[in-house]
Structure formats: C-alpha cells, structure tokens
Amino acid sequence: MSEENQTPAPQVNLQKIYVKDVSFETPNSPQIFTKDWQPDVSIDLATNGQPIEGNLYECVLTITVTAKSGGETAFLAEVHQAGIFEISGFPDEQLAPILGVFCPTTLFPYVREVITELVSKGGFPQLLLAPVNFEAIYAQSQAEQSETH
C-alpha cells in the first residue's frame, strides 16, 4: 500500500495550557478568620470546547468553589483553565466527546493546583479537589439533552 492512500492516525496534541481567568474573594474577612472553621464547600464545574481555526480547538474548564462557614461566605474561588488542542483524524461525531471528556480530563490537574494555591494563599486550610469523572458527566449531559429533544 502506498503512503498516499494511508489515512493519518487520529491524534490529539496539547499545544498550550493557560489560565484564562482567575478570581478569589474573601467577602467576610478578616472576621471569618476569628470564627470556628466549619466549612460547607460547594463545587461547580463547566466545560466549553470551541474551534479556533483548522484543527485547533480551545477547551475551557471552569471550576467555582464556594466555602461557607457559619452561614457566611468564607471564600469564593473561580478558575477558567484553558488549553489549545490540535485534534485531527477523528470522525466529526467523536469531536464532542474529545472536547467534553479527554480535554477537560487533561486540564483538571492544572486547575486543581491553581485552586489549591488560591485557597492556601487566601489564608484557608488546604483544599484538594477530588478527581472528576468527566466521562460520566458528559454521558449525563448527553442523556439530559436527548430527553429535552
């Protein structure tokens, strides 16, 4: 078989990782530091993948962490961790799962580190985000979309 007839192997190459946006607020400081630390932590996450040009795509993983203690907001941390991925050789129907599962999974350790440092530098005990199953989240969002259509 000649090389002309061979289809290039599908591949995903990470081109760049960067923090697109970051925010940290402690609206009730310094008083919050004088109270017993009984945190109620909520975590929201979202992903967004979009084409840039050619085979380049940007994926943004947004994580928002809100910690309340004694009914008051202790801190609010939000990070938009982004990456540029070169995606080629895949059928169109596989593009959404790559942007919704593979890319956020790749970005998660980076956003986790940024959140941990923000919280620690904000004067609070270390916060380590638990691993996230992006495949399950993607499957759930696909099931919800099919129910609404």
Protein backbone atom coordinates (compact mmCIF):
# COMPACT_ATOMS: atom_id res chain seq x y z
CA MET A 1 0.00 0.00 0.00
CA SER A 2 1.43 3.40 -0.90
CA GLU A 3 1.71 6.13 1.70
CA GLU A 4 -0.66 8.34 -0.32
CA ASN A 5 -3.59 6.02 0.43
CA GLN A 6 -2.96 5.75 4.17
CA THR A 7 -5.12 7.85 6.42
CA PRO A 8 -3.14 9.62 9.13
CA ALA A 9 -3.69 8.18 12.58
CA PRO A 10 -6.18 10.11 14.70
CA GLN A 11 -4.41 12.23 17.27
CA VAL A 12 -4.92 14.86 19.94
CA ASN A 13 -1.93 17.05 20.70
CA LEU A 14 -1.84 19.56 23.52
CA GLN A 15 -0.42 22.81 22.15
CA LYS A 16 -0.80 25.19 25.12
CA ILE A 17 -2.17 25.28 28.68
CA TYR A 18 -3.04 28.60 30.30
CA VAL A 19 -5.16 30.27 32.95
CA LYS A 20 -7.76 32.29 31.07
CA ASP A 21 -9.41 33.89 34.12
CA VAL A 22 -8.99 33.65 37.88
CA SER A 23 -10.88 35.19 40.78
CA PHE A 24 -10.60 34.84 44.56
CA GLU A 25 -12.77 36.67 47.06
CA THR A 26 -12.99 36.63 50.86
CA PRO A 27 -16.00 38.89 51.40
CA ASN A 28 -16.18 38.38 55.17
CA SER A 29 -12.52 38.76 56.05
CA PRO A 30 -10.97 39.36 58.49
CA GLN A 31 -13.89 38.33 60.75
CA ILE A 32 -14.22 34.90 59.11
CA PHE A 33 -10.71 34.01 60.40
CA THR A 34 -11.74 34.55 64.04
CA LYS A 35 -14.60 32.03 63.91
CA ASP A 36 -14.64 28.24 64.15
CA TRP A 37 -13.83 26.74 60.76
CA GLN A 38 -16.79 24.51 59.88
CA PRO A 39 -16.79 24.77 56.09
CA ASP A 40 -19.62 23.85 53.80
CA VAL A 41 -17.93 23.63 50.40
CA SER A 42 -19.75 23.51 47.06
CA ILE A 43 -18.05 22.96 43.72
CA ASP A 44 -19.49 23.76 40.31
CA LEU A 45 -17.79 22.91 37.07
CA ALA A 46 -18.41 23.55 33.42
CA THR A 47 -16.59 22.80 30.19
CA ASN A 48 -16.66 24.56 26.87
CA GLY A 49 -14.89 23.48 23.70
CA GLN A 50 -14.84 25.51 20.52
CA PRO A 51 -12.92 25.64 17.26
CA ILE A 52 -10.17 28.22 16.80
CA GLU A 53 -9.02 27.50 13.25
CA GLY A 54 -8.17 24.45 11.20
CA ASN A 55 -7.57 21.52 13.56
CA LEU A 56 -7.08 23.78 16.62
CA TYR A 57 -9.65 23.87 19.41
CA GLU A 58 -9.81 25.67 22.72
CA CYS A 59 -11.22 23.84 25.72
CA VAL A 60 -12.01 25.81 28.88
CA LEU A 61 -12.63 24.04 32.18
CA THR A 62 -14.30 26.37 34.70
CA ILE A 63 -14.37 25.43 38.37
CA THR A 64 -16.08 27.56 41.01
CA VAL A 65 -15.55 26.71 44.68
CA THR A 66 -17.68 28.40 47.33
CA ALA A 67 -16.95 27.81 51.01
CA LYS A 68 -19.35 28.94 53.70
CA SER A 69 -18.77 28.74 57.41
CA GLY A 70 -21.48 29.53 59.92
CA GLY A 71 -23.76 30.63 57.07
CA GLU A 72 -21.29 33.27 55.86
CA THR A 73 -19.25 33.07 52.68
CA ALA A 74 -15.65 32.39 53.65
CA PHE A 75 -14.27 32.41 50.13
CA LEU A 76 -15.22 32.14 46.50
CA ALA A 77 -12.60 30.88 44.05
CA GLU A 78 -13.18 30.63 40.30
CA VAL A 79 -10.66 29.47 37.74
CA HIS A 80 -11.03 29.18 33.97
CA GLN A 81 -8.25 26.78 32.97
CA ALA A 82 -7.83 26.59 29.21
CA GLY A 83 -5.92 24.59 26.69
CA ILE A 84 -5.37 24.64 22.95
CA PHE A 85 -5.57 21.19 21.43
CA GLU A 86 -4.77 20.07 17.89
CA ILE A 87 -7.33 17.41 17.03
CA SER A 88 -7.07 15.57 13.72
CA GLY A 89 -8.09 12.37 12.01
CA PHE A 90 -11.29 11.76 14.01
CA PRO A 91 -14.80 11.50 12.56
CA ASP A 92 -16.95 14.55 13.36
CA GLU A 93 -19.13 12.61 15.81
CA GLN A 94 -16.09 11.93 18.01
CA LEU A 95 -15.13 15.59 18.31
CA ALA A 96 -17.69 16.46 21.03
CA PRO A 97 -16.62 13.60 23.34
CA ILE A 98 -12.96 14.57 22.89
CA LEU A 99 -13.72 18.18 23.83
CA GLY A 100 -16.10 17.11 26.62
CA VAL A 101 -14.10 14.27 28.18
CA PHE A 102 -10.47 13.99 27.07
CA CYS A 103 -9.61 17.70 27.06
CA PRO A 104 -11.14 18.55 30.49
CA THR A 105 -9.51 15.44 31.98
CA THR A 106 -6.17 16.74 30.69
CA LEU A 107 -6.80 20.22 32.15
CA PHE A 108 -8.10 19.11 35.54
CA PRO A 109 -4.75 18.61 37.34
CA TYR A 110 -3.75 22.16 36.37
CA VAL A 111 -6.97 23.79 37.60
CA ARG A 112 -6.80 21.68 40.76
CA GLU A 113 -3.33 23.07 41.51
CA VAL A 114 -4.45 26.67 40.91
CA ILE A 115 -7.47 26.26 43.23
CA THR A 116 -5.31 24.68 45.96
CA GLU A 117 -2.81 27.55 45.81
CA LEU A 118 -5.51 30.25 45.76
CA VAL A 119 -7.23 28.83 48.83
CA SER A 120 -3.95 28.41 50.73
CA LYS A 121 -2.70 31.89 49.82
CA GLY A 122 -6.11 33.24 50.85
CA GLY A 123 -5.34 32.07 54.40
CA PHE A 124 -7.56 28.99 54.48
CA PRO A 125 -6.71 25.33 55.13
CA GLN A 126 -5.54 23.41 52.08
CA LEU A 127 -8.31 22.28 49.72
CA LEU A 128 -7.66 19.37 47.38
CA LEU A 129 -10.32 18.76 44.76
CA ALA A 130 -11.29 15.12 44.35
CA PRO A 131 -10.79 13.56 40.91
CA VAL A 132 -13.64 14.14 38.47
CA ASN A 133 -15.13 11.56 36.11
CA PHE A 134 -15.67 13.72 33.02
CA GLU A 135 -16.88 10.69 31.05
CA ALA A 136 -19.82 10.25 33.46
CA ILE A 137 -20.58 14.00 33.40
CA TYR A 138 -20.53 14.01 29.60
CA ALA A 139 -22.78 10.93 29.41
CA GLN A 140 -25.24 12.55 31.83
CA SER A 141 -25.35 15.79 29.82
CA GLN A 142 -25.93 13.80 26.60
CA ALA A 143 -28.79 11.87 28.28
CA GLU A 144 -30.36 15.13 29.51
CA GLN A 145 -30.08 16.65 26.01
CA SER A 146 -31.75 13.64 24.41
CA GLU A 147 -34.62 13.85 26.92
CA THR A 148 -35.28 17.50 26.03
CA HIS A 149 -35.30 16.86 22.26
